[in-house]
Amino acid sequence: MFVGALTLDILLGDVRSLKEKRSVVRPIVAELRRKFSVSVAETGDQHLYRRCEIGVAVAASTAAHCAEVMDSCERFVAGRPEIELLSARQRLFSSEEESNHG
């Protein structure tokens, strides 16, 4: 089993309050969940209204499938016109790595 973790650092457009931030971030999080069947949450910068960190997790039987899903999620977010994707970081974990350390 492989687990992929994707961290997205996002700059929000014309947002002037935390309430406006939620109205932009919530639909993105919901659409990632629905479209890609991943676990996703706002994981950082909750106190800043123009910045957002979104964390995405995916579990799959192959590393290639994990990478494919993370790439698709990243492209989806990067294509949103109301935000700017500042950076994306992917990490891949293998259950075999854990069993070798035990």
PDB file of N, CA and C in Angstrom:
ATOM      1  N   MET A   1       0.842  -1.180   0.000  1.00  0.00           N
ATOM      2  CA  MET A   1       0.000   0.000   0.000  1.00  0.00           C
ATOM      3  C   MET A   1       0.884   1.240   0.000  1.00  0.00           C
ATOM      4  N   PHE A   2       0.414   2.251  -0.698  1.00  0.00           N
ATOM      5  CA  PHE A   2       1.110   3.533  -0.765  1.00  0.00           C
ATOM      6  C   PHE A   2       0.155   4.644  -0.337  1.00  0.00           C
ATOM      7  N   VAL A   3       0.709   5.633   0.350  1.00  0.00           N
ATOM      8  CA  VAL A   3      -0.063   6.804   0.766  1.00  0.00           C
ATOM      9  C   VAL A   3       0.651   8.032   0.235  1.00  0.00           C
ATOM     10  N   GLY A   4      -0.092   8.866  -0.463  1.00  0.00           N
ATOM     11  CA  GLY A   4       0.453  10.109  -0.979  1.00  0.00           C
ATOM     12  C   GLY A   4      -0.075  11.284  -0.188  1.00  0.00           C
ATOM     13  N   ALA A   5       0.809  12.235   0.085  1.00  0.00           N
ATOM     14  CA  ALA A   5       0.421  13.456   0.788  1.00  0.00           C
ATOM     15  C   ALA A   5       0.794  14.649  -0.085  1.00  0.00           C
ATOM     16  N   LEU A   6      -0.186  15.474  -0.359  1.00  0.00           N
ATOM     17  CA  LEU A   6       0.002  16.662  -1.196  1.00  0.00           C
ATOM     18  C   LEU A   6      -0.318  17.889  -0.365  1.00  0.00           C
ATOM     19  N   THR A   7       0.614  18.833  -0.297  1.00  0.00           N
ATOM     20  CA  THR A   7       0.401  20.085   0.417  1.00  0.00           C
ATOM     21  C   THR A   7       0.389  21.222  -0.597  1.00  0.00           C
ATOM     22  N   LEU A   8      -0.698  21.974  -0.599  1.00  0.00           N
ATOM     23  CA  LEU A   8      -0.885  23.069  -1.544  1.00  0.00           C
ATOM     24  C   LEU A   8      -0.882  24.398  -0.803  1.00  0.00           C
ATOM     25  N   ASP A   9      -0.004  25.304  -1.200  1.00  0.00           N
ATOM     26  CA  ASP A   9       0.062  26.653  -0.622  1.00  0.00           C
ATOM     27  C   ASP A   9      -0.619  27.590  -1.614  1.00  0.00           C
ATOM     28  N   ILE A  10      -1.686  28.243  -1.162  1.00  0.00           N
ATOM     29  CA  ILE A  10      -2.558  28.987  -2.053  1.00  0.00           C
ATOM     30  C   ILE A  10      -2.671  30.443  -1.619  1.00  0.00           C
ATOM     31  N   LEU A  11      -2.634  31.330  -2.613  1.00  0.00           N
ATOM     32  CA  LEU A  11      -2.918  32.744  -2.387  1.00  0.00           C
ATOM     33  C   LEU A  11      -4.310  33.008  -2.941  1.00  0.00           C
ATOM     34  N   LEU A  12      -5.180  33.525  -2.098  1.00  0.00           N
ATOM     35  CA  LEU A  12      -6.550  33.819  -2.513  1.00  0.00           C
ATOM     36  C   LEU A  12      -6.614  35.193  -3.146  1.00  0.00           C
ATOM     37  N   GLY A  13      -7.537  35.360  -4.065  1.00  0.00           N
ATOM     38  CA  GLY A  13      -7.670  36.624  -4.790  1.00  0.00           C
ATOM     39  C   GLY A  13      -8.254  37.735  -3.944  1.00  0.00           C
ATOM     40  N   ASP A  14      -9.338  38.291  -4.373  1.00  0.00           N
ATOM     41  CA  ASP A  14      -9.950  39.453  -3.739  1.00  0.00           C
ATOM     42  C   ASP A  14     -10.776  39.032  -2.522  1.00  0.00           C
ATOM     43  N   VAL A  15     -10.077  38.674  -1.450  1.00  0.00           N
ATOM     44  CA  VAL A  15     -10.714  38.206  -0.217  1.00  0.00           C
ATOM     45  C   VAL A  15     -10.342  39.167   0.896  1.00  0.00           C
ATOM     46  N   ARG A  16     -11.356  39.650   1.623  1.00  0.00           N
ATOM     47  CA  ARG A  16     -11.098  40.656   2.659  1.00  0.00           C
ATOM     48  C   ARG A  16     -11.478  40.220   4.068  1.00  0.00           C
ATOM     49  N   SER A  17     -11.920  38.962   4.223  1.00  0.00           N
ATOM     50  CA  SER A  17     -12.294  38.495   5.554  1.00  0.00           C
ATOM     51  C   SER A  17     -12.180  36.972   5.596  1.00  0.00           C
ATOM     52  N   LEU A  18     -12.187  36.431   6.810  1.00  0.00           N
ATOM     53  CA  LEU A  18     -12.153  34.975   6.959  1.00  0.00           C
ATOM     54  C   LEU A  18     -13.436  34.345   6.415  1.00  0.00           C
ATOM     55  N   LYS A  19     -14.550  35.071   6.516  1.00  0.00           N
ATOM     56  CA  LYS A  19     -15.814  34.565   5.976  1.00  0.00           C
ATOM     57  C   LYS A  19     -15.738  34.434   4.451  1.00  0.00           C
ATOM     58  N   GLU A  20     -15.183  35.442   3.789  1.00  0.00           N
ATOM     59  CA  GLU A  20     -15.001  35.361   2.339  1.00  0.00           C
ATOM     60  C   GLU A  20     -14.031  34.241   1.978  1.00  0.00           C
ATOM     61  N   LYS A  21     -12.990  34.075   2.797  1.00  0.00           N
ATOM     62  CA  LYS A  21     -12.026  32.998   2.569  1.00  0.00           C
ATOM     63  C   LYS A  21     -12.742  31.648   2.573  1.00  0.00           C
ATOM     64  N   ARG A  22     -13.579  31.413   3.574  1.00  0.00           N
ATOM     65  CA  ARG A  22     -14.316  30.151   3.662  1.00  0.00           C
ATOM     66  C   ARG A  22     -15.177  29.922   2.429  1.00  0.00           C
ATOM     67  N   SER A  23     -15.761  30.997   1.901  1.00  0.00           N
ATOM     68  CA  SER A  23     -16.636  30.852   0.732  1.00  0.00           C
ATOM     69  C   SER A  23     -15.851  30.472  -0.529  1.00  0.00           C
ATOM     70  N   VAL A  24     -14.539  30.716  -0.529  1.00  0.00           N
ATOM     71  CA  VAL A  24     -13.694  30.310  -1.650  1.00  0.00           C
ATOM     72  C   VAL A  24     -13.108  28.920  -1.411  1.00  0.00           C
ATOM     73  N   VAL A  25     -12.650  28.670  -0.182  1.00  0.00           N
ATOM     74  CA  VAL A  25     -11.927  27.431   0.130  1.00  0.00           C
ATOM     75  C   VAL A  25     -12.866  26.227   0.221  1.00  0.00           C
ATOM     76  N   ARG A  26     -14.011  26.383   0.854  1.00  0.00           N
ATOM     77  CA  ARG A  26     -14.920  25.239   1.036  1.00  0.00           C
ATOM     78  C   ARG A  26     -15.318  24.548  -0.264  1.00  0.00           C
ATOM     79  N   PRO A  27     -15.698  25.283  -1.309  1.00  0.00           N
ATOM     80  CA  PRO A  27     -16.046  24.600  -2.562  1.00  0.00           C
ATOM     81  C   PRO A  27     -14.867  23.857  -3.196  1.00  0.00           C
ATOM     82  N   ILE A  28     -13.656  24.386  -3.045  1.00  0.00           N
ATOM     83  CA  ILE A  28     -12.477  23.712  -3.583  1.00  0.00           C
ATOM     84  C   ILE A  28     -12.248  22.396  -2.842  1.00  0.00           C
ATOM     85  N   VAL A  29     -12.312  22.439  -1.523  1.00  0.00           N
ATOM     86  CA  VAL A  29     -12.135  21.235  -0.702  1.00  0.00           C
ATOM     87  C   VAL A  29     -13.209  20.199  -1.043  1.00  0.00           C
ATOM     88  N   ALA A  30     -14.449  20.633  -1.139  1.00  0.00           N
ATOM     89  CA  ALA A  30     -15.553  19.718  -1.440  1.00  0.00           C
ATOM     90  C   ALA A  30     -15.397  19.089  -2.821  1.00  0.00           C
ATOM     91  N   GLU A  31     -14.978  19.884  -3.797  1.00  0.00           N
ATOM     92  CA  GLU A  31     -14.820  19.369  -5.163  1.00  0.00           C
ATOM     93  C   GLU A  31     -13.652  18.390  -5.260  1.00  0.00           C
ATOM     94  N   LEU A  32     -12.556  18.656  -4.551  1.00  0.00           N
ATOM     95  CA  LEU A  32     -11.442  17.702  -4.518  1.00  0.00           C
ATOM     96  C   LEU A  32     -11.906  16.364  -3.953  1.00  0.00           C
ATOM     97  N   ARG A  33     -12.646  16.428  -2.846  1.00  0.00           N
ATOM     98  CA  ARG A  33     -13.184  15.204  -2.224  1.00  0.00           C
ATOM     99  C   ARG A  33     -14.064  14.428  -3.204  1.00  0.00           C
ATOM    100  N   ARG A  34     -14.994  15.145  -3.826  1.00  0.00           N
ATOM    101  CA  ARG A  34     -15.977  14.504  -4.701  1.00  0.00           C
ATOM    102  C   ARG A  34     -15.338  13.960  -5.982  1.00  0.00           C
ATOM    103  N   LYS A  35     -14.518  14.774  -6.596  1.00  0.00           N
ATOM    104  CA  LYS A  35     -13.990  14.436  -7.911  1.00  0.00           C
ATOM    105  C   LYS A  35     -12.884  13.375  -7.868  1.00  0.00           C
ATOM    106  N   PHE A  36     -12.061  13.397  -6.823  1.00  0.00           N
ATOM    107  CA  PHE A  36     -10.889  12.524  -6.787  1.00  0.00           C
ATOM    108  C   PHE A  36     -10.931  11.470  -5.671  1.00  0.00           C
ATOM    109  N   SER A  37     -11.975  11.442  -4.866  1.00  0.00           N
ATOM    110  CA  SER A  37     -12.115  10.472  -3.760  1.00  0.00           C
ATOM    111  C   SER A  37     -10.885  10.469  -2.850  1.00  0.00           C
ATOM    112  N   VAL A  38     -10.478  11.653  -2.423  1.00  0.00           N
ATOM    113  CA  VAL A  38      -9.327  11.811  -1.545  1.00  0.00           C
ATOM    114  C   VAL A  38      -9.783  12.396  -0.207  1.00  0.00           C
ATOM    115  N   SER A  39      -8.928  12.293   0.787  1.00  0.00           N
ATOM    116  CA  SER A  39      -9.144  12.996   2.048  1.00  0.00           C
ATOM    117  C   SER A  39      -8.502  14.364   1.899  1.00  0.00           C
ATOM    118  N   VAL A  40      -9.216  15.396   2.290  1.00  0.00           N
ATOM    119  CA  VAL A  40      -8.703  16.755   2.089  1.00  0.00           C
ATOM    120  C   VAL A  40      -9.203  17.671   3.194  1.00  0.00           C
ATOM    121  N   ALA A  41      -8.342  18.614   3.601  1.00  0.00           N
ATOM    122  CA  ALA A  41      -8.717  19.568   4.650  1.00  0.00           C
ATOM    123  C   ALA A  41      -7.850  20.812   4.534  1.00  0.00           C
ATOM    124  N   GLU A  42      -8.364  21.902   5.068  1.00  0.00           N
ATOM    125  CA  GLU A  42      -7.544  23.098   5.221  1.00  0.00           C
ATOM    126  C   GLU A  42      -6.620  22.822   6.393  1.00  0.00           C
ATOM    127  N   THR A  43      -5.313  22.826   6.146  1.00  0.00           N
ATOM    128  CA  THR A  43      -4.365  22.364   7.160  1.00  0.00           C
ATOM    129  C   THR A  43      -3.459  23.450   7.714  1.00  0.00           C
ATOM    130  N   GLY A  44      -3.548  24.656   7.185  1.00  0.00           N
ATOM    131  CA  GLY A  44      -2.676  25.714   7.698  1.00  0.00           C
ATOM    132  C   GLY A  44      -3.155  27.086   7.272  1.00  0.00           C
ATOM    133  N   ASP A  45      -2.577  28.085   7.895  1.00  0.00           N
ATOM    134  CA  ASP A  45      -2.878  29.488   7.605  1.00  0.00           C
ATOM    135  C   ASP A  45      -4.345  29.846   7.839  1.00  0.00           C
ATOM    136  N   GLN A  46      -4.992  29.169   8.801  1.00  0.00           N
ATOM    137  CA  GLN A  46      -6.411  29.440   9.057  1.00  0.00           C
ATOM    138  C   GLN A  46      -6.665  30.871   9.532  1.00  0.00           C
ATOM    139  N   HIS A  47      -5.687  31.493  10.161  1.00  0.00           N
ATOM    140  CA  HIS A  47      -5.868  32.850  10.687  1.00  0.00           C
ATOM    141  C   HIS A  47      -5.613  33.936   9.642  1.00  0.00           C
ATOM    142  N   LEU A  48      -5.053  33.570   8.497  1.00  0.00           N
ATOM    143  CA  LEU A  48      -4.776  34.534   7.433  1.00  0.00           C
ATOM    144  C   LEU A  48      -5.879  34.465   6.388  1.00  0.00           C
ATOM    145  N   TYR A  49      -6.440  35.589   6.001  1.00  0.00           N
ATOM    146  CA  TYR A  49      -7.578  35.518   5.085  1.00  0.00           C
ATOM    147  C   TYR A  49      -7.191  35.496   3.612  1.00  0.00           C
ATOM    148  N   ARG A  50      -5.941  35.795   3.251  1.00  0.00           N
ATOM    149  CA  ARG A  50      -5.549  35.727   1.832  1.00  0.00           C
ATOM    150  C   ARG A  50      -4.671  34.526   1.510  1.00  0.00           C
ATOM    151  N   ARG A  51      -4.318  33.731   2.525  1.00  0.00           N
ATOM    152  CA  ARG A  51      -3.485  32.549   2.313  1.00  0.00           C
ATOM    153  C   ARG A  51      -4.228  31.314   2.811  1.00  0.00           C
ATOM    154  N   CYS A  52      -3.908  30.191   2.209  1.00  0.00           N
ATOM    155  CA  CYS A  52      -4.547  28.944   2.590  1.00  0.00           C
ATOM    156  C   CYS A  52      -3.589  27.792   2.309  1.00  0.00           C
ATOM    157  N   GLU A  53      -3.542  26.854   3.218  1.00  0.00           N
ATOM    158  CA  GLU A  53      -2.828  25.602   2.965  1.00  0.00           C
ATOM    159  C   GLU A  53      -3.857  24.490   2.965  1.00  0.00           C
ATOM    160  N   ILE A  54      -3.850  23.709   1.905  1.00  0.00           N
ATOM    161  CA  ILE A  54      -4.761  22.571   1.797  1.00  0.00           C
ATOM    162  C   ILE A  54      -3.924  21.309   1.749  1.00  0.00           C
ATOM    163  N   GLY A  55      -4.300  20.329   2.566  1.00  0.00           N
ATOM    164  CA  GLY A  55      -3.635  19.036   2.576  1.00  0.00           C
ATOM    165  C   GLY A  55      -4.535  17.985   1.947  1.00  0.00           C
ATOM    166  N   VAL A  56      -3.942  17.170   1.077  1.00  0.00           N
ATOM    167  CA  VAL A  56      -4.673  16.110   0.387  1.00  0.00           C
ATOM    168  C   VAL A  56      -3.951  14.796   0.671  1.00  0.00           C
ATOM    169  N   ALA A  57      -4.709  13.750   0.997  1.00  0.00           N
ATOM    170  CA  ALA A  57      -4.129  12.427   1.213  1.00  0.00           C
ATOM    171  C   ALA A  57      -4.842  11.413   0.334  1.00  0.00           C
ATOM    172  N   VAL A  58      -4.047  10.507  -0.246  1.00  0.00           N
ATOM    173  CA  VAL A  58      -4.603   9.466  -1.100  1.00  0.00           C
ATOM    174  C   VAL A  58      -3.913   8.148  -0.762  1.00  0.00           C
ATOM    175  N   ALA A  59      -4.696   7.079  -0.744  1.00  0.00           N
ATOM    176  CA  ALA A  59      -4.157   5.736  -0.530  1.00  0.00           C
ATOM    177  C   ALA A  59      -4.420   4.919  -1.785  1.00  0.00           C
ATOM    178  N   ALA A  60      -3.409   4.145  -2.212  1.00  0.00           N
ATOM    179  CA  ALA A  60      -3.549   3.342  -3.429  1.00  0.00           C
ATOM    180  C   ALA A  60      -2.625   2.133  -3.354  1.00  0.00           C
ATOM    181  N   SER A  61      -2.866   1.192  -4.257  1.00  0.00           N
ATOM    182  CA  SER A  61      -2.051  -0.024  -4.265  1.00  0.00           C
ATOM    183  C   SER A  61      -0.708   0.169  -4.966  1.00  0.00           C
ATOM    184  N   THR A  62      -0.591   1.223  -5.782  1.00  0.00           N
ATOM    185  CA  THR A  62       0.680   1.477  -6.463  1.00  0.00           C
ATOM    186  C   THR A  62       1.126   2.924  -6.266  1.00  0.00           C
ATOM    187  N   ALA A  63       2.437   3.116  -6.308  1.00  0.00           N
ATOM    188  CA  ALA A  63       2.997   4.468  -6.204  1.00  0.00           C
ATOM    189  C   ALA A  63       2.568   5.310  -7.400  1.00  0.00           C
ATOM    190  N   ALA A  64       2.491   4.686  -8.568  1.00  0.00           N
ATOM    191  CA  ALA A  64       2.114   5.408  -9.781  1.00  0.00           C
ATOM    192  C   ALA A  64       0.696   5.975  -9.673  1.00  0.00           C
ATOM    193  N   HIS A  65      -0.218   5.178  -9.115  1.00  0.00           N
ATOM    194  CA  HIS A  65      -1.597   5.669  -8.980  1.00  0.00           C
ATOM    195  C   HIS A  65      -1.664   6.820  -7.979  1.00  0.00           C
ATOM    196  N   CYS A  66      -0.929   6.717  -6.885  1.00  0.00           N
ATOM    197  CA  CYS A  66      -0.870   7.823  -5.913  1.00  0.00           C
ATOM    198  C   CYS A  66      -0.383   9.096  -6.589  1.00  0.00           C
ATOM    199  N   ALA A  67       0.708   8.996  -7.335  1.00  0.00           N
ATOM    200  CA  ALA A  67       1.281  10.159  -8.009  1.00  0.00           C
ATOM    201  C   ALA A  67       0.304  10.730  -9.032  1.00  0.00           C
ATOM    202  N   GLU A  68      -0.393   9.863  -9.739  1.00  0.00           N
ATOM    203  CA  GLU A  68      -1.363  10.310 -10.749  1.00  0.00           C
ATOM    204  C   GLU A  68      -2.504  11.107 -10.106  1.00  0.00           C
ATOM    205  N   VAL A  69      -3.015  10.613  -8.987  1.00  0.00           N
ATOM    206  CA  VAL A  69      -4.107  11.303  -8.297  1.00  0.00           C
ATOM    207  C   VAL A  69      -3.619  12.643  -7.733  1.00  0.00           C
ATOM    208  N   MET A  70      -2.424  12.659  -7.125  1.00  0.00           N
ATOM    209  CA  MET A  70      -1.894  13.916  -6.589  1.00  0.00           C
ATOM    210  C   MET A  70      -1.661  14.933  -7.703  1.00  0.00           C
ATOM    211  N   ASP A  71      -1.132  14.480  -8.842  1.00  0.00           N
ATOM    212  CA  ASP A  71      -0.935  15.384  -9.986  1.00  0.00           C
ATOM    213  C   ASP A  71      -2.267  15.954 -10.472  1.00  0.00           C
ATOM    214  N   SER A  72      -3.295  15.109 -10.530  1.00  0.00           N
ATOM    215  CA  SER A  72      -4.620  15.566 -10.967  1.00  0.00           C
ATOM    216  C   SER A  72      -5.195  16.597 -10.004  1.00  0.00           C
ATOM    217  N   CYS A  73      -5.041  16.367  -8.702  1.00  0.00           N
ATOM    218  CA  CYS A  73      -5.524  17.321  -7.699  1.00  0.00           C
ATOM    219  C   CYS A  73      -4.784  18.650  -7.835  1.00  0.00           C
ATOM    220  N   GLU A  74      -3.476  18.573  -8.034  1.00  0.00           N
ATOM    221  CA  GLU A  74      -2.680  19.795  -8.180  1.00  0.00           C
ATOM    222  C   GLU A  74      -3.114  20.582  -9.420  1.00  0.00           C
ATOM    223  N   ARG A  75      -3.310  19.901 -10.542  1.00  0.00           N
ATOM    224  CA  ARG A  75      -3.752  20.574 -11.775  1.00  0.00           C
ATOM    225  C   ARG A  75      -5.131  21.203 -11.595  1.00  0.00           C
ATOM    226  N   PHE A  76      -6.027  20.503 -10.894  1.00  0.00           N
ATOM    227  CA  PHE A  76      -7.367  21.022 -10.642  1.00  0.00           C
ATOM    228  C   PHE A  76      -7.296  22.341  -9.869  1.00  0.00           C
ATOM    229  N   VAL A  77      -6.508  22.362  -8.798  1.00  0.00           N
ATOM    230  CA  VAL A  77      -6.396  23.570  -7.975  1.00  0.00           C
ATOM    231  C   VAL A  77      -5.679  24.682  -8.755  1.00  0.00           C
ATOM    232  N   ALA A  78      -4.632  24.341  -9.478  1.00  0.00           N
ATOM    233  CA  ALA A  78      -3.886  25.339 -10.249  1.00  0.00           C
ATOM    234  C   ALA A  78      -4.761  25.979 -11.324  1.00  0.00           C
ATOM    235  N   GLY A  79      -5.761  25.264 -11.793  1.00  0.00           N
ATOM    236  CA  GLY A  79      -6.633  25.782 -12.839  1.00  0.00           C
ATOM    237  C   GLY A  79      -7.766  26.662 -12.350  1.00  0.00           C
ATOM    238  N   ARG A  80      -7.893  26.811 -11.038  1.00  0.00           N
ATOM    239  CA  ARG A  80      -8.966  27.653 -10.503  1.00  0.00           C
ATOM    240  C   ARG A  80      -8.618  29.129 -10.710  1.00  0.00           C
ATOM    241  N   PRO A  81      -9.492  29.900 -11.368  1.00  0.00           N
ATOM    242  CA  PRO A  81      -9.152  31.291 -11.683  1.00  0.00           C
ATOM    243  C   PRO A  81      -9.172  32.229 -10.468  1.00  0.00           C
ATOM    244  N   GLU A  82      -9.883  31.858  -9.405  1.00  0.00           N
ATOM    245  CA  GLU A  82     -10.021  32.768  -8.263  1.00  0.00           C
ATOM    246  C   GLU A  82      -8.862  32.684  -7.270  1.00  0.00           C
ATOM    247  N   ILE A  83      -7.902  31.788  -7.535  1.00  0.00           N
ATOM    248  CA  ILE A  83      -6.767  31.619  -6.623  1.00  0.00           C
ATOM    249  C   ILE A  83      -5.478  31.523  -7.424  1.00  0.00           C
ATOM    250  N   GLU A  84      -4.347  31.604  -6.685  1.00  0.00           N
ATOM    251  CA  GLU A  84      -3.034  31.376  -7.288  1.00  0.00           C
ATOM    252  C   GLU A  84      -2.332  30.299  -6.464  1.00  0.00           C
ATOM    253  N   LEU A  85      -1.943  29.230  -7.120  1.00  0.00           N
ATOM    254  CA  LEU A  85      -1.210  28.154  -6.453  1.00  0.00           C
ATOM    255  C   LEU A  85       0.254  28.573  -6.360  1.00  0.00           C
ATOM    256  N   LEU A  86       0.716  28.829  -5.130  1.00  0.00           N
ATOM    257  CA  LEU A  86       2.093  29.295  -4.932  1.00  0.00           C
ATOM    258  C   LEU A  86       3.083  28.139  -4.948  1.00  0.00           C
ATOM    259  N   SER A  87       2.709  27.020  -4.327  1.00  0.00           N
ATOM    260  CA  SER A  87       3.589  25.857  -4.328  1.00  0.00           C
ATOM    261  C   SER A  87       2.786  24.604  -4.034  1.00  0.00           C
ATOM    262  N   ALA A  88       3.354  23.484  -4.458  1.00  0.00           N
ATOM    263  CA  ALA A  88       2.751  22.178  -4.194  1.00  0.00           C
ATOM    264  C   ALA A  88       3.879  21.218  -3.844  1.00  0.00           C
ATOM    265  N   ARG A  89       3.676  20.467  -2.785  1.00  0.00           N
ATOM    266  CA  ARG A  89       4.701  19.501  -2.371  1.00  0.00           C
ATOM    267  C   ARG A  89       4.062  18.127  -2.248  1.00  0.00           C
ATOM    268  N   GLN A  90       4.639  17.158  -2.928  1.00  0.00           N
ATOM    269  CA  GLN A  90       4.138  15.792  -2.873  1.00  0.00           C
ATOM    270  C   GLN A  90       5.110  14.927  -2.091  1.00  0.00           C
ATOM    271  N   ARG A  91       4.527  14.045  -1.257  1.00  0.00           N
ATOM    272  CA  ARG A  91       5.337  13.056  -0.541  1.00  0.00           C
ATOM    273  C   ARG A  91       4.646  11.711  -0.675  1.00  0.00           C
ATOM    274  N   LEU A  92       5.431  10.670  -0.776  1.00  0.00           N
ATOM    275  CA  LEU A  92       4.899   9.331  -0.961  1.00  0.00           C
ATOM    276  C   LEU A  92       5.443   8.426   0.133  1.00  0.00           C
ATOM    277  N   PHE A  93       4.552   7.685   0.757  1.00  0.00           N
ATOM    278  CA  PHE A  93       4.917   6.764   1.827  1.00  0.00           C
ATOM    279  C   PHE A  93       4.515   5.356   1.418  1.00  0.00           C
ATOM    280  N   SER A  94       5.347   4.387   1.767  1.00  0.00           N
ATOM    281  CA  SER A  94       5.076   2.999   1.435  1.00  0.00           C
ATOM    282  C   SER A  94       4.950   2.179   2.703  1.00  0.00           C
ATOM    283  N   SER A  95       3.989   1.277   2.743  1.00  0.00           N
ATOM    284  CA  SER A  95       3.848   0.404   3.910  1.00  0.00           C
ATOM    285  C   SER A  95       5.042  -0.533   4.018  1.00  0.00           C
ATOM    286  N   GLU A  96       5.729  -0.802   2.911  1.00  0.00           N
ATOM    287  CA  GLU A  96       6.923  -1.648   2.941  1.00  0.00           C
ATOM    288  C   GLU A  96       8.061  -0.976   3.696  1.00  0.00           C
ATOM    289  N   GLU A  97       8.160   0.352   3.580  1.00  0.00           N
ATOM    290  CA  GLU A  97       9.198   1.086   4.315  1.00  0.00           C
ATOM    291  C   GLU A  97       9.009   0.907   5.806  1.00  0.00           C
ATOM    292  N   GLU A  98       7.753   0.990   6.256  1.00  0.00           N
ATOM    293  CA  GLU A  98       7.459   0.866   7.680  1.00  0.00           C
ATOM    294  C   GLU A  98       7.790  -0.533   8.190  1.00  0.00           C
ATOM    295  N   SER A  99       7.427  -1.580   7.436  1.00  0.00           N
ATOM    296  CA  SER A  99       7.661  -2.939   7.894  1.00  0.00           C
ATOM    297  C   SER A  99       9.160  -3.267   7.928  1.00  0.00           C
ATOM    298  N   ASN A 100       9.956  -2.601   7.095  1.00  0.00           N
ATOM    299  CA  ASN A 100      11.405  -2.827   7.104  1.00  0.00           C
ATOM    300  C   ASN A 100      12.067  -2.216   8.321  1.00  0.00           C
ATOM    301  N   HIS A 101      11.431  -1.213   8.943  1.00  0.00           N
ATOM    302  CA  HIS A 101      12.018  -0.558  10.111  1.00  0.00           C
ATOM    303  C   HIS A 101      11.581  -1.230  11.409  1.00  0.00           C
ATOM    304  N   GLY A 102      10.580  -2.088  11.354  1.00  0.00           N
ATOM    305  CA  GLY A 102      10.015  -2.696  12.556  1.00  0.00           C
ATOM    306  C   GLY A 102      10.812  -3.826  12.992  1.00  0.00           C
TER     307      GLY A 102
END
